[in-house]
Amino acid sequence: MKTYLYLTLSPETLVASHLPPAEFGNYLAVGTHHNSSGQAQFLELDPAWRSDALPMRDLEKRCVPHADGSPRRSTYLAIYRVLEHVPLNAIGSLHLVTPGGRTLSIAPSPEVPPDTEDRYHLYQEYCPVQPRVVSVLGPAKFCALITDPAQPVSVPRIVFAELKLGNLARNPEATGLGNLPYSNIDHLRDCLREFGFKPGKPTKVFARNVTDNVLYRTVRNGYYVGDKDGMKHYPLPAMNDLETVHREWWNSALSTFGS
């Protein structure tokens, strides 16, 4: 029976499982008896990868089928400081799960989208920290900054998504924001205005620990995993593909929190 290695993002855990990604995503979101509901995101890791920094030596002995031959759904190997020990070359596809248990799998792209003309960006960090941050930096520069050990505050490696800002991406005073779902637009405007008062400031925390409320429809360009040495980009499919090829996942995502 094949053993998969997964890194769940919220909370940050290293898990071994006999379930392939779609089944594991359903298990995370709705459980075995469909009594729970919650979206989830996880990274698939190279099953051959091992680290002496994490308790993985007895993985093969712990992740075994049940006595009746049924697959082991989850064997937790670590619940703390996992991402920093996983090299980028061991990280594979990203899997996005809706509260209804539908899983969208995204392979990393060899290309990172170029910086746009937008003045401002909104990022949701997922792992190992989870604030929502506004920044004047594009994804690559933001990733390099937040993982730079020379900075007063940094992390070894990070997973984050860029979120849509609409017209606010160029002007904090803009109107016609459409259906941006952020609960405190006035505070968001204030955070963006601060860059005008402090031109040397690259980032500012907008909100803390809000990953459970991220609507997939607000993700712009996709997700990123990176450190000071490099970055992987996981682009969301084009809207036409979401509405056709991935229609069941997209409909499930749109039903999230009344989105």
C-alpha atoms as a PDB file:
ATOM      1  CA  MET A   1       0.000   0.000   0.000  1.00  0.00           C
ATOM      2  CA  LYS A   2       1.508   3.333  -1.074  1.00  0.00           C
ATOM      3  CA  THR A   3       2.450   5.807   1.624  1.00  0.00           C
ATOM      4  CA  TYR A   4       2.067   9.533   0.922  1.00  0.00           C
ATOM      5  CA  LEU A   5       3.736  12.383   2.782  1.00  0.00           C
ATOM      6  CA  TYR A   6       1.737  15.568   3.306  1.00  0.00           C
ATOM      7  CA  LEU A   7       2.443  18.924   4.906  1.00  0.00           C
ATOM      8  CA  THR A   8      -0.816  20.501   6.053  1.00  0.00           C
ATOM      9  CA  LEU A   9      -0.647  24.271   6.332  1.00  0.00           C
ATOM     10  CA  SER A  10      -3.134  25.214   9.035  1.00  0.00           C
ATOM     11  CA  PRO A  11      -2.168  23.801  11.420  1.00  0.00           C
ATOM     12  CA  GLU A  12       1.382  23.029  10.291  1.00  0.00           C
ATOM     13  CA  THR A  13       1.762  19.244  10.486  1.00  0.00           C
ATOM     14  CA  LEU A  14       3.708  16.485   8.780  1.00  0.00           C
ATOM     15  CA  VAL A  15       1.421  13.543   8.053  1.00  0.00           C
ATOM     16  CA  ALA A  16       1.904  10.124   6.490  1.00  0.00           C
ATOM     17  CA  SER A  17      -1.179   8.581   4.896  1.00  0.00           C
ATOM     18  CA  HIS A  18      -2.294   5.786   2.607  1.00  0.00           C
ATOM     19  CA  LEU A  19      -4.943   8.062   1.103  1.00  0.00           C
ATOM     20  CA  PRO A  20      -4.221   9.720  -2.256  1.00  0.00           C
ATOM     21  CA  PRO A  21      -4.637  13.523  -2.324  1.00  0.00           C
ATOM     22  CA  ALA A  22      -8.343  13.730  -3.241  1.00  0.00           C
ATOM     23  CA  GLU A  23      -9.310  11.242  -0.535  1.00  0.00           C
ATOM     24  CA  PHE A  24      -6.991  12.821   2.020  1.00  0.00           C
ATOM     25  CA  GLY A  25      -8.476  16.243   1.257  1.00  0.00           C
ATOM     26  CA  ASN A  26     -11.979  14.916   1.803  1.00  0.00           C
ATOM     27  CA  TYR A  27     -10.843  13.338   5.065  1.00  0.00           C
ATOM     28  CA  LEU A  28      -9.389  16.655   6.263  1.00  0.00           C
ATOM     29  CA  ALA A  29     -12.457  18.682   5.348  1.00  0.00           C
ATOM     30  CA  VAL A  30     -15.379  16.501   6.377  1.00  0.00           C
ATOM     31  CA  GLY A  31     -13.887  13.622   8.380  1.00  0.00           C
ATOM     32  CA  THR A  32     -14.962  10.006   8.199  1.00  0.00           C
ATOM     33  CA  HIS A  33     -18.585  10.607   9.235  1.00  0.00           C
ATOM     34  CA  HIS A  34     -19.152  13.966   7.506  1.00  0.00           C
ATOM     35  CA  ASN A  35     -19.780  15.610  10.870  1.00  0.00           C
ATOM     36  CA  SER A  36     -17.286  18.418  10.353  1.00  0.00           C
ATOM     37  CA  SER A  37     -16.682  21.007   7.681  1.00  0.00           C
ATOM     38  CA  GLY A  38     -13.703  23.215   7.005  1.00  0.00           C
ATOM     39  CA  GLN A  39     -11.458  24.110   4.100  1.00  0.00           C
ATOM     40  CA  ALA A  40      -7.855  22.945   4.103  1.00  0.00           C
ATOM     41  CA  GLN A  41      -4.635  23.325   2.148  1.00  0.00           C
ATOM     42  CA  PHE A  42      -1.781  20.852   2.045  1.00  0.00           C
ATOM     43  CA  LEU A  43       1.425  20.209   0.132  1.00  0.00           C
ATOM     44  CA  GLU A  44       2.404  16.825  -1.214  1.00  0.00           C
ATOM     45  CA  LEU A  45       6.002  15.904  -0.416  1.00  0.00           C
ATOM     46  CA  ASP A  46       8.432  13.522  -2.062  1.00  0.00           C
ATOM     47  CA  PRO A  47       7.634  10.187  -0.328  1.00  0.00           C
ATOM     48  CA  ALA A  48      11.334   9.296  -0.355  1.00  0.00           C
ATOM     49  CA  TRP A  49      12.365  12.488   1.456  1.00  0.00           C
ATOM     50  CA  ARG A  50      13.577  12.136   5.035  1.00  0.00           C
ATOM     51  CA  SER A  51      14.990  14.558   7.596  1.00  0.00           C
ATOM     52  CA  ASP A  52      16.978  13.832  10.738  1.00  0.00           C
ATOM     53  CA  ALA A  53      15.512  17.036  12.190  1.00  0.00           C
ATOM     54  CA  LEU A  54      12.026  15.473  12.286  1.00  0.00           C
ATOM     55  CA  PRO A  55      10.836  12.200  13.887  1.00  0.00           C
ATOM     56  CA  MET A  56      10.585  10.197  10.657  1.00  0.00           C
ATOM     57  CA  ARG A  57      12.818   7.204  11.321  1.00  0.00           C
ATOM     58  CA  ASP A  58       9.969   4.879  12.306  1.00  0.00           C
ATOM     59  CA  LEU A  59       7.578   6.095   9.603  1.00  0.00           C
ATOM     60  CA  GLU A  60       7.329   2.693   7.918  1.00  0.00           C
ATOM     61  CA  LYS A  61       6.543   1.001  11.237  1.00  0.00           C
ATOM     62  CA  ARG A  62       3.915   3.530  12.270  1.00  0.00           C
ATOM     63  CA  CYS A  63       2.058   4.090   9.012  1.00  0.00           C
ATOM     64  CA  VAL A  64       0.736   0.575   8.414  1.00  0.00           C
ATOM     65  CA  PRO A  65      -2.729  -0.619   7.347  1.00  0.00           C
ATOM     66  CA  HIS A  66      -5.277  -1.365  10.049  1.00  0.00           C
ATOM     67  CA  ALA A  67      -5.812  -4.937  11.191  1.00  0.00           C
ATOM     68  CA  ASP A  68      -8.745  -5.323   8.784  1.00  0.00           C
ATOM     69  CA  GLY A  69      -6.549  -4.209   5.872  1.00  0.00           C
ATOM     70  CA  SER A  70      -8.089  -0.759   5.544  1.00  0.00           C
ATOM     71  CA  PRO A  71      -5.722   2.148   4.798  1.00  0.00           C
ATOM     72  CA  ARG A  72      -4.187   4.291   7.496  1.00  0.00           C
ATOM     73  CA  ARG A  73      -5.768   7.716   6.990  1.00  0.00           C
ATOM     74  CA  SER A  74      -3.249   9.735   8.973  1.00  0.00           C
ATOM     75  CA  THR A  75      -0.131   9.146  11.004  1.00  0.00           C
ATOM     76  CA  TYR A  76       1.081  12.400  12.515  1.00  0.00           C
ATOM     77  CA  LEU A  77       4.857  12.652  12.430  1.00  0.00           C
ATOM     78  CA  ALA A  78       5.399  16.260  13.544  1.00  0.00           C
ATOM     79  CA  ILE A  79       3.245  19.222  14.564  1.00  0.00           C
ATOM     80  CA  TYR A  80       5.849  21.941  15.032  1.00  0.00           C
ATOM     81  CA  ARG A  81       8.447  23.674  12.840  1.00  0.00           C
ATOM     82  CA  VAL A  82       8.004  21.361   9.888  1.00  0.00           C
ATOM     83  CA  LEU A  83       8.203  23.650   6.849  1.00  0.00           C
ATOM     84  CA  GLU A  84      11.635  25.030   7.693  1.00  0.00           C
ATOM     85  CA  HIS A  85      13.111  21.515   7.399  1.00  0.00           C
ATOM     86  CA  VAL A  86      11.512  20.663   4.047  1.00  0.00           C
ATOM     87  CA  PRO A  87      13.697  21.723   1.085  1.00  0.00           C
ATOM     88  CA  LEU A  88      11.969  23.231  -1.929  1.00  0.00           C
ATOM     89  CA  ASN A  89      12.989  20.300  -4.130  1.00  0.00           C
ATOM     90  CA  ALA A  90      11.017  17.912  -1.887  1.00  0.00           C
ATOM     91  CA  ILE A  91       7.793  19.931  -2.235  1.00  0.00           C
ATOM     92  CA  GLY A  92       5.384  18.817  -4.934  1.00  0.00           C
ATOM     93  CA  SER A  93       1.794  19.715  -5.734  1.00  0.00           C
ATOM     94  CA  LEU A  94      -0.433  21.976  -3.679  1.00  0.00           C
ATOM     95  CA  HIS A  95      -3.944  20.736  -2.859  1.00  0.00           C
ATOM     96  CA  LEU A  96      -6.782  23.140  -2.051  1.00  0.00           C
ATOM     97  CA  VAL A  97      -9.800  21.645  -0.291  1.00  0.00           C
ATOM     98  CA  THR A  98     -13.258  23.182   0.057  1.00  0.00           C
ATOM     99  CA  PRO A  99     -15.414  22.707   3.186  1.00  0.00           C
ATOM    100  CA  GLY A 100     -17.442  20.262   1.115  1.00  0.00           C
ATOM    101  CA  GLY A 101     -14.387  18.057   0.645  1.00  0.00           C
ATOM    102  CA  ARG A 102     -13.596  18.812  -3.001  1.00  0.00           C
ATOM    103  CA  THR A 103      -9.865  18.946  -3.777  1.00  0.00           C
ATOM    104  CA  LEU A 104      -8.112  20.953  -6.482  1.00  0.00           C
ATOM    105  CA  SER A 105      -4.535  19.832  -7.177  1.00  0.00           C
ATOM    106  CA  ILE A 106      -2.053  22.340  -8.604  1.00  0.00           C
ATOM    107  CA  ALA A 107       1.423  21.441  -9.816  1.00  0.00           C
ATOM    108  CA  PRO A 108       4.155  24.050  -9.359  1.00  0.00           C
ATOM    109  CA  SER A 109       4.795  26.269 -12.365  1.00  0.00           C
ATOM    110  CA  PRO A 110       8.353  26.769 -13.634  1.00  0.00           C
ATOM    111  CA  GLU A 111       7.589  30.479 -14.037  1.00  0.00           C
ATOM    112  CA  VAL A 112       6.783  33.133 -11.455  1.00  0.00           C
ATOM    113  CA  PRO A 113       4.424  35.856 -12.721  1.00  0.00           C
ATOM    114  CA  PRO A 114       6.224  39.162 -13.384  1.00  0.00           C
ATOM    115  CA  ASP A 115       5.661  42.171 -11.184  1.00  0.00           C
ATOM    116  CA  THR A 116       2.632  44.199 -12.198  1.00  0.00           C
ATOM    117  CA  GLU A 117       2.149  47.939 -12.220  1.00  0.00           C
ATOM    118  CA  ASP A 118       0.149  47.717  -9.002  1.00  0.00           C
ATOM    119  CA  ARG A 119       1.426  49.875  -6.179  1.00  0.00           C
ATOM    120  CA  TYR A 120       0.081  47.624  -3.448  1.00  0.00           C
ATOM    121  CA  HIS A 121      -0.357  43.920  -2.762  1.00  0.00           C
ATOM    122  CA  LEU A 122      -2.335  41.906  -0.220  1.00  0.00           C
ATOM    123  CA  TYR A 123      -0.886  38.604   1.003  1.00  0.00           C
ATOM    124  CA  GLN A 124      -2.281  35.865   3.183  1.00  0.00           C
ATOM    125  CA  GLU A 125       0.499  33.979   4.909  1.00  0.00           C
ATOM    126  CA  TYR A 126      -0.315  30.356   5.707  1.00  0.00           C
ATOM    127  CA  CYS A 127       2.735  28.719   7.222  1.00  0.00           C
ATOM    128  CA  PRO A 128       4.587  28.968   9.553  1.00  0.00           C
ATOM    129  CA  VAL A 129       2.825  32.245  10.480  1.00  0.00           C
ATOM    130  CA  GLN A 130      -0.654  33.375   9.445  1.00  0.00           C
ATOM    131  CA  PRO A 131      -1.157  37.152   9.334  1.00  0.00           C
ATOM    132  CA  ARG A 132      -2.692  38.976   6.384  1.00  0.00           C
ATOM    133  CA  VAL A 133      -0.222  41.573   5.152  1.00  0.00           C
ATOM    134  CA  VAL A 134      -0.248  44.531   2.778  1.00  0.00           C
ATOM    135  CA  SER A 135       2.958  45.331   0.923  1.00  0.00           C
ATOM    136  CA  VAL A 136       4.515  47.452  -1.805  1.00  0.00           C
ATOM    137  CA  LEU A 137       6.544  44.402  -2.898  1.00  0.00           C
ATOM    138  CA  GLY A 138       5.613  41.880  -5.579  1.00  0.00           C
ATOM    139  CA  PRO A 139       5.514  38.170  -4.613  1.00  0.00           C
ATOM    140  CA  ALA A 140       9.180  37.349  -5.349  1.00  0.00           C
ATOM    141  CA  LYS A 141      10.542  40.369  -3.484  1.00  0.00           C
ATOM    142  CA  PHE A 142       8.083  39.852  -0.635  1.00  0.00           C
ATOM    143  CA  CYS A 143       9.194  36.230  -0.270  1.00  0.00           C
ATOM    144  CA  ALA A 144      12.866  37.227  -0.323  1.00  0.00           C
ATOM    145  CA  LEU A 145      12.291  39.878   2.353  1.00  0.00           C
ATOM    146  CA  ILE A 146      10.270  37.764   4.758  1.00  0.00           C
ATOM    147  CA  THR A 147      12.810  34.902   4.605  1.00  0.00           C
ATOM    148  CA  ASP A 148      15.928  37.063   4.827  1.00  0.00           C
ATOM    149  CA  PRO A 149      17.710  36.184   8.110  1.00  0.00           C
ATOM    150  CA  ALA A 150      19.364  39.607   8.072  1.00  0.00           C
ATOM    151  CA  GLN A 151      15.960  41.216   8.712  1.00  0.00           C
ATOM    152  CA  PRO A 152      14.895  41.930  12.307  1.00  0.00           C
ATOM    153  CA  VAL A 153      11.955  39.544  11.836  1.00  0.00           C
ATOM    154  CA  SER A 154      12.060  36.624   9.405  1.00  0.00           C
ATOM    155  CA  VAL A 155      11.071  32.980   8.877  1.00  0.00           C
ATOM    156  CA  PRO A 156      13.210  30.277   7.210  1.00  0.00           C
ATOM    157  CA  ARG A 157      10.581  29.414   4.590  1.00  0.00           C
ATOM    158  CA  ILE A 158       7.023  30.552   3.903  1.00  0.00           C
ATOM    159  CA  VAL A 159       3.773  29.613   2.157  1.00  0.00           C
ATOM    160  CA  PHE A 160       1.501  32.465   1.125  1.00  0.00           C
ATOM    161  CA  ALA A 161      -1.147  33.522  -1.378  1.00  0.00           C
ATOM    162  CA  GLU A 162      -1.730  36.841  -3.064  1.00  0.00           C
ATOM    163  CA  LEU A 163      -5.283  38.135  -2.626  1.00  0.00           C
ATOM    164  CA  LYS A 164      -7.243  40.518  -4.808  1.00  0.00           C
ATOM    165  CA  LEU A 165      -7.274  44.216  -3.960  1.00  0.00           C
ATOM    166  CA  GLY A 166      -9.296  45.464  -6.917  1.00  0.00           C
ATOM    167  CA  ASN A 167      -8.951  49.194  -7.485  1.00  0.00           C
ATOM    168  CA  LEU A 168      -7.211  49.562  -4.114  1.00  0.00           C
ATOM    169  CA  ALA A 169      -4.110  48.004  -5.668  1.00  0.00           C
ATOM    170  CA  ARG A 170      -3.343  51.388  -7.224  1.00  0.00           C
ATOM    171  CA  ASN A 171      -5.158  53.879  -5.039  1.00  0.00           C
ATOM    172  CA  PRO A 172      -6.238  53.581  -1.373  1.00  0.00           C
ATOM    173  CA  GLU A 173      -8.971  56.148  -2.048  1.00  0.00           C
ATOM    174  CA  ALA A 174     -10.461  54.219  -4.961  1.00  0.00           C
ATOM    175  CA  THR A 175     -14.170  53.514  -5.191  1.00  0.00           C
ATOM    176  CA  GLY A 176     -16.014  50.885  -7.184  1.00  0.00           C
ATOM    177  CA  LEU A 177     -14.538  47.990  -5.218  1.00  0.00           C
ATOM    178  CA  GLY A 178     -17.032  45.445  -6.463  1.00  0.00           C
ATOM    179  CA  ASN A 179     -17.520  42.466  -4.178  1.00  0.00           C
ATOM    180  CA  LEU A 180     -14.278  42.468  -2.220  1.00  0.00           C
ATOM    181  CA  PRO A 181     -15.267  40.437   0.850  1.00  0.00           C
ATOM    182  CA  TYR A 182     -12.872  41.907   3.423  1.00  0.00           C
ATOM    183  CA  SER A 183     -14.712  42.875   6.587  1.00  0.00           C
ATOM    184  CA  ASN A 184     -12.866  46.081   7.403  1.00  0.00           C
ATOM    185  CA  ILE A 185     -12.277  48.037   4.196  1.00  0.00           C
ATOM    186  CA  ASP A 186     -11.678  51.266   6.108  1.00  0.00           C
ATOM    187  CA  HIS A 187      -8.842  49.664   8.060  1.00  0.00           C
ATOM    188  CA  LEU A 188      -7.455  48.219   4.821  1.00  0.00           C
ATOM    189  CA  ARG A 189      -7.435  51.699   3.300  1.00  0.00           C
ATOM    190  CA  ASP A 190      -5.630  53.064   6.362  1.00  0.00           C
ATOM    191  CA  CYS A 191      -2.959  50.375   6.087  1.00  0.00           C
ATOM    192  CA  LEU A 192      -2.382  51.221   2.431  1.00  0.00           C
ATOM    193  CA  ARG A 193      -2.292  54.957   3.149  1.00  0.00           C
ATOM    194  CA  GLU A 194       0.519  54.374   5.641  1.00  0.00           C
ATOM    195  CA  PHE A 195       2.892  53.552   2.799  1.00  0.00           C
ATOM    196  CA  GLY A 196       2.438  57.126   1.627  1.00  0.00           C
ATOM    197  CA  PHE A 197       3.375  58.460   5.055  1.00  0.00           C
ATOM    198  CA  LYS A 198       6.305  56.049   5.430  1.00  0.00           C
ATOM    199  CA  PRO A 199       7.772  55.516   1.941  1.00  0.00           C
ATOM    200  CA  GLY A 200      10.547  53.217   3.195  1.00  0.00           C
ATOM    201  CA  LYS A 201       8.126  50.772   4.806  1.00  0.00           C
ATOM    202  CA  PRO A 202       7.749  47.564   2.709  1.00  0.00           C
ATOM    203  CA  THR A 203       5.001  45.704   4.614  1.00  0.00           C
ATOM    204  CA  LYS A 204       2.294  46.154   7.223  1.00  0.00           C
ATOM    205  CA  VAL A 205       0.077  43.631   9.017  1.00  0.00           C
ATOM    206  CA  PHE A 206      -3.570  44.107   8.090  1.00  0.00           C
ATOM    207  CA  ALA A 207      -5.087  41.252  10.123  1.00  0.00           C
ATOM    208  CA  ARG A 208      -3.920  38.262  12.163  1.00  0.00           C
ATOM    209  CA  ASN A 209      -4.754  34.543  11.925  1.00  0.00           C
ATOM    210  CA  VAL A 210      -7.522  34.690   9.323  1.00  0.00           C
ATOM    211  CA  THR A 211      -6.692  31.750   7.036  1.00  0.00           C
ATOM    212  CA  ASP A 212     -10.022  30.032   7.767  1.00  0.00           C
ATOM    213  CA  ASN A 213     -11.829  32.969   6.164  1.00  0.00           C
ATOM    214  CA  VAL A 214      -9.884  33.063   2.897  1.00  0.00           C
ATOM    215  CA  LEU A 215     -12.288  32.715  -0.001  1.00  0.00           C
ATOM    216  CA  TYR A 216     -10.689  30.912  -2.917  1.00  0.00           C
ATOM    217  CA  ARG A 217     -12.335  33.372  -5.308  1.00  0.00           C
ATOM    218  CA  THR A 218     -10.243  36.167  -3.779  1.00  0.00           C
ATOM    219  CA  VAL A 219      -6.912  34.495  -4.616  1.00  0.00           C
ATOM    220  CA  ARG A 220      -5.011  36.386  -7.296  1.00  0.00           C
ATOM    221  CA  ASN A 221      -2.302  34.653  -9.367  1.00  0.00           C
ATOM    222  CA  GLY A 222      -2.100  31.755  -6.920  1.00  0.00           C
ATOM    223  CA  TYR A 223       0.006  30.471  -4.062  1.00  0.00           C
ATOM    224  CA  TYR A 224       3.740  30.587  -3.371  1.00  0.00           C
ATOM    225  CA  VAL A 225       6.268  28.550  -1.395  1.00  0.00           C
ATOM    226  CA  GLY A 226       9.715  29.993  -1.015  1.00  0.00           C
ATOM    227  CA  ASP A 227      12.762  31.061   0.914  1.00  0.00           C
ATOM    228  CA  LYS A 228      15.801  33.283   0.404  1.00  0.00           C
ATOM    229  CA  ASP A 229      17.145  30.937  -2.275  1.00  0.00           C
ATOM    230  CA  GLY A 230      14.085  30.415  -4.478  1.00  0.00           C
ATOM    231  CA  MET A 231      10.336  30.176  -4.852  1.00  0.00           C
ATOM    232  CA  LYS A 232       7.673  27.903  -6.325  1.00  0.00           C
ATOM    233  CA  HIS A 233       4.465  29.290  -7.797  1.00  0.00           C
ATOM    234  CA  TYR A 234       1.133  27.452  -7.829  1.00  0.00           C
ATOM    235  CA  PRO A 235      -1.167  29.294 -10.261  1.00  0.00           C
ATOM    236  CA  LEU A 236      -4.918  28.891  -9.996  1.00  0.00           C
ATOM    237  CA  PRO A 237      -6.470  27.616 -13.235  1.00  0.00           C
ATOM    238  CA  ALA A 238      -7.930  30.192 -15.594  1.00  0.00           C
ATOM    239  CA  MET A 239     -11.560  31.130 -14.939  1.00  0.00           C
ATOM    240  CA  ASN A 240     -12.753  29.230 -18.002  1.00  0.00           C
ATOM    241  CA  ASP A 241     -11.094  26.056 -16.687  1.00  0.00           C
ATOM    242  CA  LEU A 242     -12.510  26.612 -13.203  1.00  0.00           C
ATOM    243  CA  GLU A 243     -16.000  26.852 -14.656  1.00  0.00           C
ATOM    244  CA  THR A 244     -15.606  23.795 -16.893  1.00  0.00           C
ATOM    245  CA  VAL A 245     -12.794  21.361 -16.120  1.00  0.00           C
ATOM    246  CA  HIS A 246     -12.911  22.006 -12.353  1.00  0.00           C
ATOM    247  CA  ARG A 247     -16.584  22.929 -12.129  1.00  0.00           C
ATOM    248  CA  GLU A 248     -17.459  20.740  -9.127  1.00  0.00           C
ATOM    249  CA  TRP A 249     -14.553  22.144  -7.105  1.00  0.00           C
ATOM    250  CA  TRP A 250     -15.320  25.718  -8.151  1.00  0.00           C
ATOM    251  CA  ASN A 251     -19.026  25.453  -7.301  1.00  0.00           C
ATOM    252  CA  SER A 252     -18.086  24.016  -3.922  1.00  0.00           C
ATOM    253  CA  ALA A 253     -15.571  26.838  -3.386  1.00  0.00           C
ATOM    254  CA  LEU A 254     -18.147  29.491  -4.262  1.00  0.00           C
ATOM    255  CA  SER A 255     -20.538  28.120  -1.680  1.00  0.00           C
ATOM    256  CA  THR A 256     -17.948  28.707   1.052  1.00  0.00           C
ATOM    257  CA  PHE A 257     -19.125  31.209   3.676  1.00  0.00           C
ATOM    258  CA  GLY A 258     -21.765  32.508   1.296  1.00  0.00           C
ATOM    259  CA  SER A 259     -19.182  33.615  -1.284  1.00  0.00           C
END
